[in-house]
Amino acid sequence: MAESTISSKGQITIPVEVRRRLGVQTGSRIRFVPTDSGTYEIVPIQRSVLALKGMVAAPATPVSLADMETAIVDSAVGQDSR
């Protein structure tokens, strides 16, 4: 189990194994989220854009640039031209 000590300034050093599992590094921001049981969860606020890879499945059929542009224009004017 990873442990840390609070300094006189209220600072802690997050152990390497915890930083790795959270995917945080120098400059990363974390959030302390209270739980119903009265403890806190440490949640990374920022992650590398590479962490998003694979989160959204590829569309069943590819969408052309022309279709994308049409959808953007239709959305901007509040109508669907199809």
PDB file of N, CA and C in Angstrom:
ATOM      1  N   MET A   1       0.848  -1.174   0.000  1.00  0.00           N
ATOM      2  CA  MET A   1       0.000   0.000   0.000  1.00  0.00           C
ATOM      3  C   MET A   1       0.893   1.236   0.000  1.00  0.00           C
ATOM      4  N   ALA A   2       0.549   2.199  -0.833  1.00  0.00           N
ATOM      5  CA  ALA A   2       1.321   3.434  -0.936  1.00  0.00           C
ATOM      6  C   ALA A   2       0.928   4.388   0.188  1.00  0.00           C
ATOM      7  N   GLU A   3       1.920   5.059   0.750  1.00  0.00           N
ATOM      8  CA  GLU A   3       1.685   6.022   1.823  1.00  0.00           C
ATOM      9  C   GLU A   3       2.490   7.282   1.561  1.00  0.00           C
ATOM     10  N   SER A   4       2.073   8.364   2.214  1.00  0.00           N
ATOM     11  CA  SER A   4       2.774   9.634   2.101  1.00  0.00           C
ATOM     12  C   SER A   4       2.593  10.396   3.403  1.00  0.00           C
ATOM     13  N   THR A   5       3.482  11.361   3.654  1.00  0.00           N
ATOM     14  CA  THR A   5       3.413  12.181   4.858  1.00  0.00           C
ATOM     15  C   THR A   5       3.103  13.618   4.470  1.00  0.00           C
ATOM     16  N   ILE A   6       2.260  14.258   5.248  1.00  0.00           N
ATOM     17  CA  ILE A   6       1.915  15.663   4.993  1.00  0.00           C
ATOM     18  C   ILE A   6       2.999  16.540   5.603  1.00  0.00           C
ATOM     19  N   SER A   7       3.516  17.484   4.808  1.00  0.00           N
ATOM     20  CA  SER A   7       4.548  18.405   5.298  1.00  0.00           C
ATOM     21  C   SER A   7       3.922  19.496   6.163  1.00  0.00           C
ATOM     22  N   SER A   8       4.759  20.305   6.783  1.00  0.00           N
ATOM     23  CA  SER A   8       4.263  21.407   7.621  1.00  0.00           C
ATOM     24  C   SER A   8       3.491  22.433   6.796  1.00  0.00           C
ATOM     25  N   LYS A   9       3.704  22.447   5.475  1.00  0.00           N
ATOM     26  CA  LYS A   9       2.982  23.364   4.586  1.00  0.00           C
ATOM     27  C   LYS A   9       1.724  22.719   3.999  1.00  0.00           C
ATOM     28  N   GLY A  10       1.395  21.502   4.446  1.00  0.00           N
ATOM     29  CA  GLY A  10       0.204  20.820   3.938  1.00  0.00           C
ATOM     30  C   GLY A  10       0.429  20.125   2.609  1.00  0.00           C
ATOM     31  N   GLN A  11       1.675  19.941   2.210  1.00  0.00           N
ATOM     32  CA  GLN A  11       1.988  19.313   0.931  1.00  0.00           C
ATOM     33  C   GLN A  11       2.285  17.827   1.110  1.00  0.00           C
ATOM     34  N   ILE A  12       1.996  17.056   0.055  1.00  0.00           N
ATOM     35  CA  ILE A  12       2.346  15.646   0.060  1.00  0.00           C
ATOM     36  C   ILE A  12       3.072  15.319  -1.232  1.00  0.00           C
ATOM     37  N   THR A  13       3.843  14.257  -1.205  1.00  0.00           N
ATOM     38  CA  THR A  13       4.442  13.714  -2.411  1.00  0.00           C
ATOM     39  C   THR A  13       3.660  12.462  -2.753  1.00  0.00           C
ATOM     40  N   ILE A  14       3.093  12.433  -3.949  1.00  0.00           N
ATOM     41  CA  ILE A  14       2.328  11.267  -4.371  1.00  0.00           C
ATOM     42  C   ILE A  14       3.321  10.199  -4.822  1.00  0.00           C
ATOM     43  N   PRO A  15       3.251   9.008  -4.247  1.00  0.00           N
ATOM     44  CA  PRO A  15       4.202   7.949  -4.603  1.00  0.00           C
ATOM     45  C   PRO A  15       4.180   7.624  -6.102  1.00  0.00           C
ATOM     46  N   VAL A  16       5.328   7.215  -6.608  1.00  0.00           N
ATOM     47  CA  VAL A  16       5.494   6.929  -8.032  1.00  0.00           C
ATOM     48  C   VAL A  16       4.440   5.953  -8.546  1.00  0.00           C
ATOM     49  N   GLU A  17       4.199   4.880  -7.819  1.00  0.00           N
ATOM     50  CA  GLU A  17       3.236   3.878  -8.289  1.00  0.00           C
ATOM     51  C   GLU A  17       1.826   4.465  -8.429  1.00  0.00           C
ATOM     52  N   VAL A  18       1.461   5.391  -7.548  1.00  0.00           N
ATOM     53  CA  VAL A  18       0.145   6.035  -7.624  1.00  0.00           C
ATOM     54  C   VAL A  18       0.102   6.981  -8.815  1.00  0.00           C
ATOM     55  N   ARG A  19       1.172   7.771  -9.006  1.00  0.00           N
ATOM     56  CA  ARG A  19       1.232   8.697 -10.156  1.00  0.00           C
ATOM     57  C   ARG A  19       1.112   7.930 -11.465  1.00  0.00           C
ATOM     58  N   ARG A  20       1.774   6.803 -11.549  1.00  0.00           N
ATOM     59  CA  ARG A  20       1.710   5.992 -12.785  1.00  0.00           C
ATOM     60  C   ARG A  20       0.291   5.494 -13.040  1.00  0.00           C
ATOM     61  N   ARG A  21      -0.346   4.985 -12.006  1.00  0.00           N
ATOM     62  CA  ARG A  21      -1.708   4.448 -12.182  1.00  0.00           C
ATOM     63  C   ARG A  21      -2.706   5.545 -12.519  1.00  0.00           C
ATOM     64  N   LEU A  22      -2.486   6.749 -11.982  1.00  0.00           N
ATOM     65  CA  LEU A  22      -3.371   7.876 -12.295  1.00  0.00           C
ATOM     66  C   LEU A  22      -3.038   8.507 -13.638  1.00  0.00           C
ATOM     67  N   GLY A  23      -1.841   8.230 -14.143  1.00  0.00           N
ATOM     68  CA  GLY A  23      -1.409   8.834 -15.404  1.00  0.00           C
ATOM     69  C   GLY A  23      -1.064  10.300 -15.255  1.00  0.00           C
ATOM     70  N   VAL A  24      -0.555  10.693 -14.072  1.00  0.00           N
ATOM     71  CA  VAL A  24      -0.196  12.093 -13.846  1.00  0.00           C
ATOM     72  C   VAL A  24       1.310  12.242 -13.779  1.00  0.00           C
ATOM     73  N   GLN A  25       1.751  13.456 -14.040  1.00  0.00           N
ATOM     74  CA  GLN A  25       3.176  13.767 -14.002  1.00  0.00           C
ATOM     75  C   GLN A  25       3.338  15.214 -13.543  1.00  0.00           C
ATOM     76  N   THR A  26       4.554  15.695 -13.527  1.00  0.00           N
ATOM     77  CA  THR A  26       4.822  17.062 -13.100  1.00  0.00           C
ATOM     78  C   THR A  26       3.926  18.038 -13.867  1.00  0.00           C
ATOM     79  N   GLY A  27       3.244  18.896 -13.147  1.00  0.00           N
ATOM     80  CA  GLY A  27       2.362  19.891 -13.773  1.00  0.00           C
ATOM     81  C   GLY A  27       0.927  19.428 -13.923  1.00  0.00           C
ATOM     82  N   SER A  28       0.667  18.138 -13.723  1.00  0.00           N
ATOM     83  CA  SER A  28      -0.708  17.646 -13.828  1.00  0.00           C
ATOM     84  C   SER A  28      -1.538  18.200 -12.672  1.00  0.00           C
ATOM     85  N   ARG A  29      -2.827  18.330 -12.914  1.00  0.00           N
ATOM     86  CA  ARG A  29      -3.732  18.801 -11.871  1.00  0.00           C
ATOM     87  C   ARG A  29      -4.591  17.627 -11.433  1.00  0.00           C
ATOM     88  N   ILE A  30      -4.906  17.584 -10.147  1.00  0.00           N
ATOM     89  CA  ILE A  30      -5.771  16.536  -9.616  1.00  0.00           C
ATOM     90  C   ILE A  30      -6.897  17.170  -8.816  1.00  0.00           C
ATOM     91  N   ARG A  31      -7.973  16.429  -8.672  1.00  0.00           N
ATOM     92  CA  ARG A  31      -9.136  16.901  -7.914  1.00  0.00           C
ATOM     93  C   ARG A  31      -9.382  15.906  -6.787  1.00  0.00           C
ATOM     94  N   PHE A  32      -9.724  16.411  -5.606  1.00  0.00           N
ATOM     95  CA  PHE A  32     -10.081  15.583  -4.471  1.00  0.00           C
ATOM     96  C   PHE A  32     -11.603  15.551  -4.400  1.00  0.00           C
ATOM     97  N   VAL A  33     -12.193  14.399  -4.658  1.00  0.00           N
ATOM     98  CA  VAL A  33     -13.640  14.260  -4.737  1.00  0.00           C
ATOM     99  C   VAL A  33     -14.150  13.522  -3.503  1.00  0.00           C
ATOM    100  N   PRO A  34     -15.025  14.166  -2.703  1.00  0.00           N
ATOM    101  CA  PRO A  34     -15.564  13.484  -1.518  1.00  0.00           C
ATOM    102  C   PRO A  34     -16.491  12.342  -1.926  1.00  0.00           C
ATOM    103  N   THR A  35     -16.439  11.247  -1.184  1.00  0.00           N
ATOM    104  CA  THR A  35     -17.315  10.099  -1.438  1.00  0.00           C
ATOM    105  C   THR A  35     -18.386  10.040  -0.355  1.00  0.00           C
ATOM    106  N   ASP A  36     -19.402   9.232  -0.582  1.00  0.00           N
ATOM    107  CA  ASP A  36     -20.485   9.087   0.396  1.00  0.00           C
ATOM    108  C   ASP A  36     -19.994   8.495   1.714  1.00  0.00           C
ATOM    109  N   SER A  37     -18.881   7.739   1.656  1.00  0.00           N
ATOM    110  CA  SER A  37     -18.382   7.091   2.870  1.00  0.00           C
ATOM    111  C   SER A  37     -17.516   8.020   3.722  1.00  0.00           C
ATOM    112  N   GLY A  38     -17.319   9.265   3.265  1.00  0.00           N
ATOM    113  CA  GLY A  38     -16.531  10.224   4.037  1.00  0.00           C
ATOM    114  C   GLY A  38     -15.059  10.255   3.665  1.00  0.00           C
ATOM    115  N   THR A  39     -14.653   9.449   2.689  1.00  0.00           N
ATOM    116  CA  THR A  39     -13.270   9.486   2.205  1.00  0.00           C
ATOM    117  C   THR A  39     -13.209  10.358   0.954  1.00  0.00           C
ATOM    118  N   TYR A  40     -12.040  10.446   0.357  1.00  0.00           N
ATOM    119  CA  TYR A  40     -11.863  11.217  -0.872  1.00  0.00           C
ATOM    120  C   TYR A  40     -11.247  10.352  -1.949  1.00  0.00           C
ATOM    121  N   GLU A  41     -11.624  10.616  -3.190  1.00  0.00           N
ATOM    122  CA  GLU A  41     -10.985   9.998  -4.352  1.00  0.00           C
ATOM    123  C   GLU A  41     -10.092  11.051  -4.986  1.00  0.00           C
ATOM    124  N   ILE A  42      -8.931  10.633  -5.484  1.00  0.00           N
ATOM    125  CA  ILE A  42      -8.039  11.532  -6.216  1.00  0.00           C
ATOM    126  C   ILE A  42      -8.284  11.275  -7.700  1.00  0.00           C
ATOM    127  N   VAL A  43      -8.702  12.310  -8.417  1.00  0.00           N
ATOM    128  CA  VAL A  43      -9.058  12.173  -9.824  1.00  0.00           C
ATOM    129  C   VAL A  43      -8.220  13.139 -10.651  1.00  0.00           C
ATOM    130  N   PRO A  44      -7.512  12.652 -11.683  1.00  0.00           N
ATOM    131  CA  PRO A  44      -6.759  13.561 -12.551  1.00  0.00           C
ATOM    132  C   PRO A  44      -7.717  14.468 -13.319  1.00  0.00           C
ATOM    133  N   ILE A  45      -7.387  15.748 -13.412  1.00  0.00           N
ATOM    134  CA  ILE A  45      -8.232  16.699 -14.140  1.00  0.00           C
ATOM    135  C   ILE A  45      -7.866  16.709 -15.619  1.00  0.00           C
ATOM    136  N   GLN A  46      -6.587  16.648 -15.900  1.00  0.00           N
ATOM    137  CA  GLN A  46      -6.131  16.706 -17.288  1.00  0.00           C
ATOM    138  C   GLN A  46      -5.440  15.405 -17.644  1.00  0.00           C
ATOM    139  N   ARG A  47      -5.609  15.021 -18.868  1.00  0.00           N
ATOM    140  CA  ARG A  47      -4.906  13.858 -19.388  1.00  0.00           C
ATOM    141  C   ARG A  47      -4.426  14.205 -20.787  1.00  0.00           C
ATOM    142  N   SER A  48      -3.448  13.475 -21.226  1.00  0.00           N
ATOM    143  CA  SER A  48      -2.944  13.661 -22.573  1.00  0.00           C
ATOM    144  C   SER A  48      -4.052  13.339 -23.568  1.00  0.00           C
ATOM    145  N   VAL A  49      -4.070  14.041 -24.671  1.00  0.00           N
ATOM    146  CA  VAL A  49      -5.059  13.767 -25.712  1.00  0.00           C
ATOM    147  C   VAL A  49      -4.898  12.337 -26.220  1.00  0.00           C
ATOM    148  N   LEU A  50      -3.717  11.771 -26.092  1.00  0.00           N
ATOM    149  CA  LEU A  50      -3.495  10.392 -26.510  1.00  0.00           C
ATOM    150  C   LEU A  50      -4.322   9.410 -25.689  1.00  0.00           C
ATOM    151  N   ALA A  51      -4.689   9.790 -24.472  1.00  0.00           N
ATOM    152  CA  ALA A  51      -5.508   8.926 -23.627  1.00  0.00           C
ATOM    153  C   ALA A  51      -6.919   8.763 -24.198  1.00  0.00           C
ATOM    154  N   LEU A  52      -7.330   9.648 -25.098  1.00  0.00           N
ATOM    155  CA  LEU A  52      -8.659   9.581 -25.696  1.00  0.00           C
ATOM    156  C   LEU A  52      -8.740   8.579 -26.844  1.00  0.00           C
ATOM    157  N   LYS A  53      -7.585   8.166 -27.352  1.00  0.00           N
ATOM    158  CA  LYS A  53      -7.554   7.273 -28.512  1.00  0.00           C
ATOM    159  C   LYS A  53      -8.330   5.992 -28.221  1.00  0.00           C
ATOM    160  N   GLY A  54      -9.243   5.673 -29.126  1.00  0.00           N
ATOM    161  CA  GLY A  54     -10.013   4.448 -29.016  1.00  0.00           C
ATOM    162  C   GLY A  54     -11.279   4.560 -28.184  1.00  0.00           C
ATOM    163  N   MET A  55     -11.556   5.717 -27.597  1.00  0.00           N
ATOM    164  CA  MET A  55     -12.748   5.859 -26.756  1.00  0.00           C
ATOM    165  C   MET A  55     -14.034   5.874 -27.583  1.00  0.00           C
ATOM    166  N   VAL A  56     -13.949   6.358 -28.817  1.00  0.00           N
ATOM    167  CA  VAL A  56     -15.113   6.426 -29.686  1.00  0.00           C
ATOM    168  C   VAL A  56     -14.884   5.481 -30.853  1.00  0.00           C
ATOM    169  N   ALA A  57     -15.826   4.614 -31.081  1.00  0.00           N
ATOM    170  CA  ALA A  57     -15.702   3.654 -32.179  1.00  0.00           C
ATOM    171  C   ALA A  57     -15.782   4.368 -33.523  1.00  0.00           C
ATOM    172  N   ALA A  58     -15.112   3.809 -34.512  1.00  0.00           N
ATOM    173  CA  ALA A  58     -15.173   4.360 -35.864  1.00  0.00           C
ATOM    174  C   ALA A  58     -16.595   4.192 -36.393  1.00  0.00           C
ATOM    175  N   PRO A  59     -17.063   5.142 -37.208  1.00  0.00           N
ATOM    176  CA  PRO A  59     -18.416   5.012 -37.750  1.00  0.00           C
ATOM    177  C   PRO A  59     -18.519   3.794 -38.671  1.00  0.00           C
ATOM    178  N   ALA A  60     -19.705   3.201 -38.748  1.00  0.00           N
ATOM    179  CA  ALA A  60     -19.910   2.022 -39.597  1.00  0.00           C
ATOM    180  C   ALA A  60     -19.633   2.357 -41.061  1.00  0.00           C
ATOM    181  N   THR A  61     -20.045   3.543 -41.471  1.00  0.00           N
ATOM    182  CA  THR A  61     -19.735   3.998 -42.833  1.00  0.00           C
ATOM    183  C   THR A  61     -18.997   5.323 -42.723  1.00  0.00           C
ATOM    184  N   PRO A  62     -17.945   5.488 -43.489  1.00  0.00           N
ATOM    185  CA  PRO A  62     -17.178   6.744 -43.426  1.00  0.00           C
ATOM    186  C   PRO A  62     -18.035   7.942 -43.817  1.00  0.00           C
ATOM    187  N   VAL A  63     -17.716   9.089 -43.237  1.00  0.00           N
ATOM    188  CA  VAL A  63     -18.418  10.331 -43.548  1.00  0.00           C
ATOM    189  C   VAL A  63     -17.479  11.202 -44.369  1.00  0.00           C
ATOM    190  N   SER A  64     -17.971  11.701 -45.489  1.00  0.00           N
ATOM    191  CA  SER A  64     -17.131  12.527 -46.348  1.00  0.00           C
ATOM    192  C   SER A  64     -17.012  13.938 -45.793  1.00  0.00           C
ATOM    193  N   LEU A  65     -15.988  14.640 -46.226  1.00  0.00           N
ATOM    194  CA  LEU A  65     -15.827  16.040 -45.825  1.00  0.00           C
ATOM    195  C   LEU A  65     -17.009  16.882 -46.281  1.00  0.00           C
ATOM    196  N   ALA A  66     -17.523  16.576 -47.468  1.00  0.00           N
ATOM    197  CA  ALA A  66     -18.676  17.324 -47.984  1.00  0.00           C
ATOM    198  C   ALA A  66     -19.887  17.132 -47.069  1.00  0.00           C
ATOM    199  N   ASP A  67     -20.110  15.885 -46.617  1.00  0.00           N
ATOM    200  CA  ASP A  67     -21.226  15.622 -45.701  1.00  0.00           C
ATOM    201  C   ASP A  67     -21.035  16.367 -44.381  1.00  0.00           C
ATOM    202  N   MET A  68     -19.786  16.412 -43.893  1.00  0.00           N
ATOM    203  CA  MET A  68     -19.495  17.130 -42.652  1.00  0.00           C
ATOM    204  C   MET A  68     -19.785  18.613 -42.814  1.00  0.00           C
ATOM    205  N   GLU A  69     -19.339  19.183 -43.930  1.00  0.00           N
ATOM    206  CA  GLU A  69     -19.567  20.610 -44.179  1.00  0.00           C
ATOM    207  C   GLU A  69     -21.059  20.912 -44.290  1.00  0.00           C
ATOM    208  N   THR A  70     -21.799  20.036 -44.953  1.00  0.00           N
ATOM    209  CA  THR A  70     -23.247  20.224 -45.068  1.00  0.00           C
ATOM    210  C   THR A  70     -23.904  20.194 -43.697  1.00  0.00           C
ATOM    211  N   ALA A  71     -23.503  19.263 -42.860  1.00  0.00           N
ATOM    212  CA  ALA A  71     -24.071  19.158 -41.513  1.00  0.00           C
ATOM    213  C   ALA A  71     -23.766  20.404 -40.698  1.00  0.00           C
ATOM    214  N   ILE A  72     -22.561  20.947 -40.842  1.00  0.00           N
ATOM    215  CA  ILE A  72     -22.182  22.159 -40.109  1.00  0.00           C
ATOM    216  C   ILE A  72     -23.032  23.341 -40.563  1.00  0.00           C
ATOM    217  N   VAL A  73     -23.186  23.494 -41.872  1.00  0.00           N
ATOM    218  CA  VAL A  73     -23.987  24.600 -42.414  1.00  0.00           C
ATOM    219  C   VAL A  73     -25.442  24.454 -41.972  1.00  0.00           C
ATOM    220  N   ASP A  74     -25.981  23.243 -42.086  1.00  0.00           N
ATOM    221  CA  ASP A  74     -27.376  23.010 -41.681  1.00  0.00           C
ATOM    222  C   ASP A  74     -27.574  23.332 -40.205  1.00  0.00           C
ATOM    223  N   SER A  75     -26.607  22.952 -39.388  1.00  0.00           N
ATOM    224  CA  SER A  75     -26.695  23.205 -37.944  1.00  0.00           C
ATOM    225  C   SER A  75     -26.635  24.707 -37.667  1.00  0.00           C
ATOM    226  N   ALA A  76     -25.812  25.414 -38.416  1.00  0.00           N
ATOM    227  CA  ALA A  76     -25.631  26.861 -38.182  1.00  0.00           C
ATOM    228  C   ALA A  76     -26.906  27.634 -38.526  1.00  0.00           C
ATOM    229  N   VAL A  77     -27.642  27.170 -39.529  1.00  0.00           N
ATOM    230  CA  VAL A  77     -28.858  27.880 -39.915  1.00  0.00           C
ATOM    231  C   VAL A  77     -30.107  27.267 -39.301  1.00  0.00           C
ATOM    232  N   GLY A  78     -29.925  26.181 -38.535  1.00  0.00           N
ATOM    233  CA  GLY A  78     -31.038  25.577 -37.810  1.00  0.00           C
ATOM    234  C   GLY A  78     -31.980  24.762 -38.646  1.00  0.00           C
ATOM    235  N   GLN A  79     -31.464  24.182 -39.713  1.00  0.00           N
ATOM    236  CA  GLN A  79     -32.331  23.351 -40.541  1.00  0.00           C
ATOM    237  C   GLN A  79     -31.565  22.149 -41.051  1.00  0.00           C
ATOM    238  N   ASP A  80     -32.300  21.169 -41.523  1.00  0.00           N
ATOM    239  CA  ASP A  80     -31.714  19.971 -42.115  1.00  0.00           C
ATOM    240  C   ASP A  80     -32.153  19.936 -43.562  1.00  0.00           C
ATOM    241  N   SER A  81     -31.205  20.062 -44.480  1.00  0.00           N
ATOM    242  CA  SER A  81     -31.548  20.171 -45.897  1.00  0.00           C
ATOM    243  C   SER A  81     -31.776  18.816 -46.557  1.00  0.00           C
ATOM    244  N   ARG A  82     -31.681  17.724 -45.790  1.00  0.00           N
ATOM    245  CA  ARG A  82     -31.880  16.397 -46.424  1.00  0.00           C
ATOM    246  C   ARG A  82     -33.286  15.926 -46.307  1.00  0.00           C
TER     247      ARG A  82
END
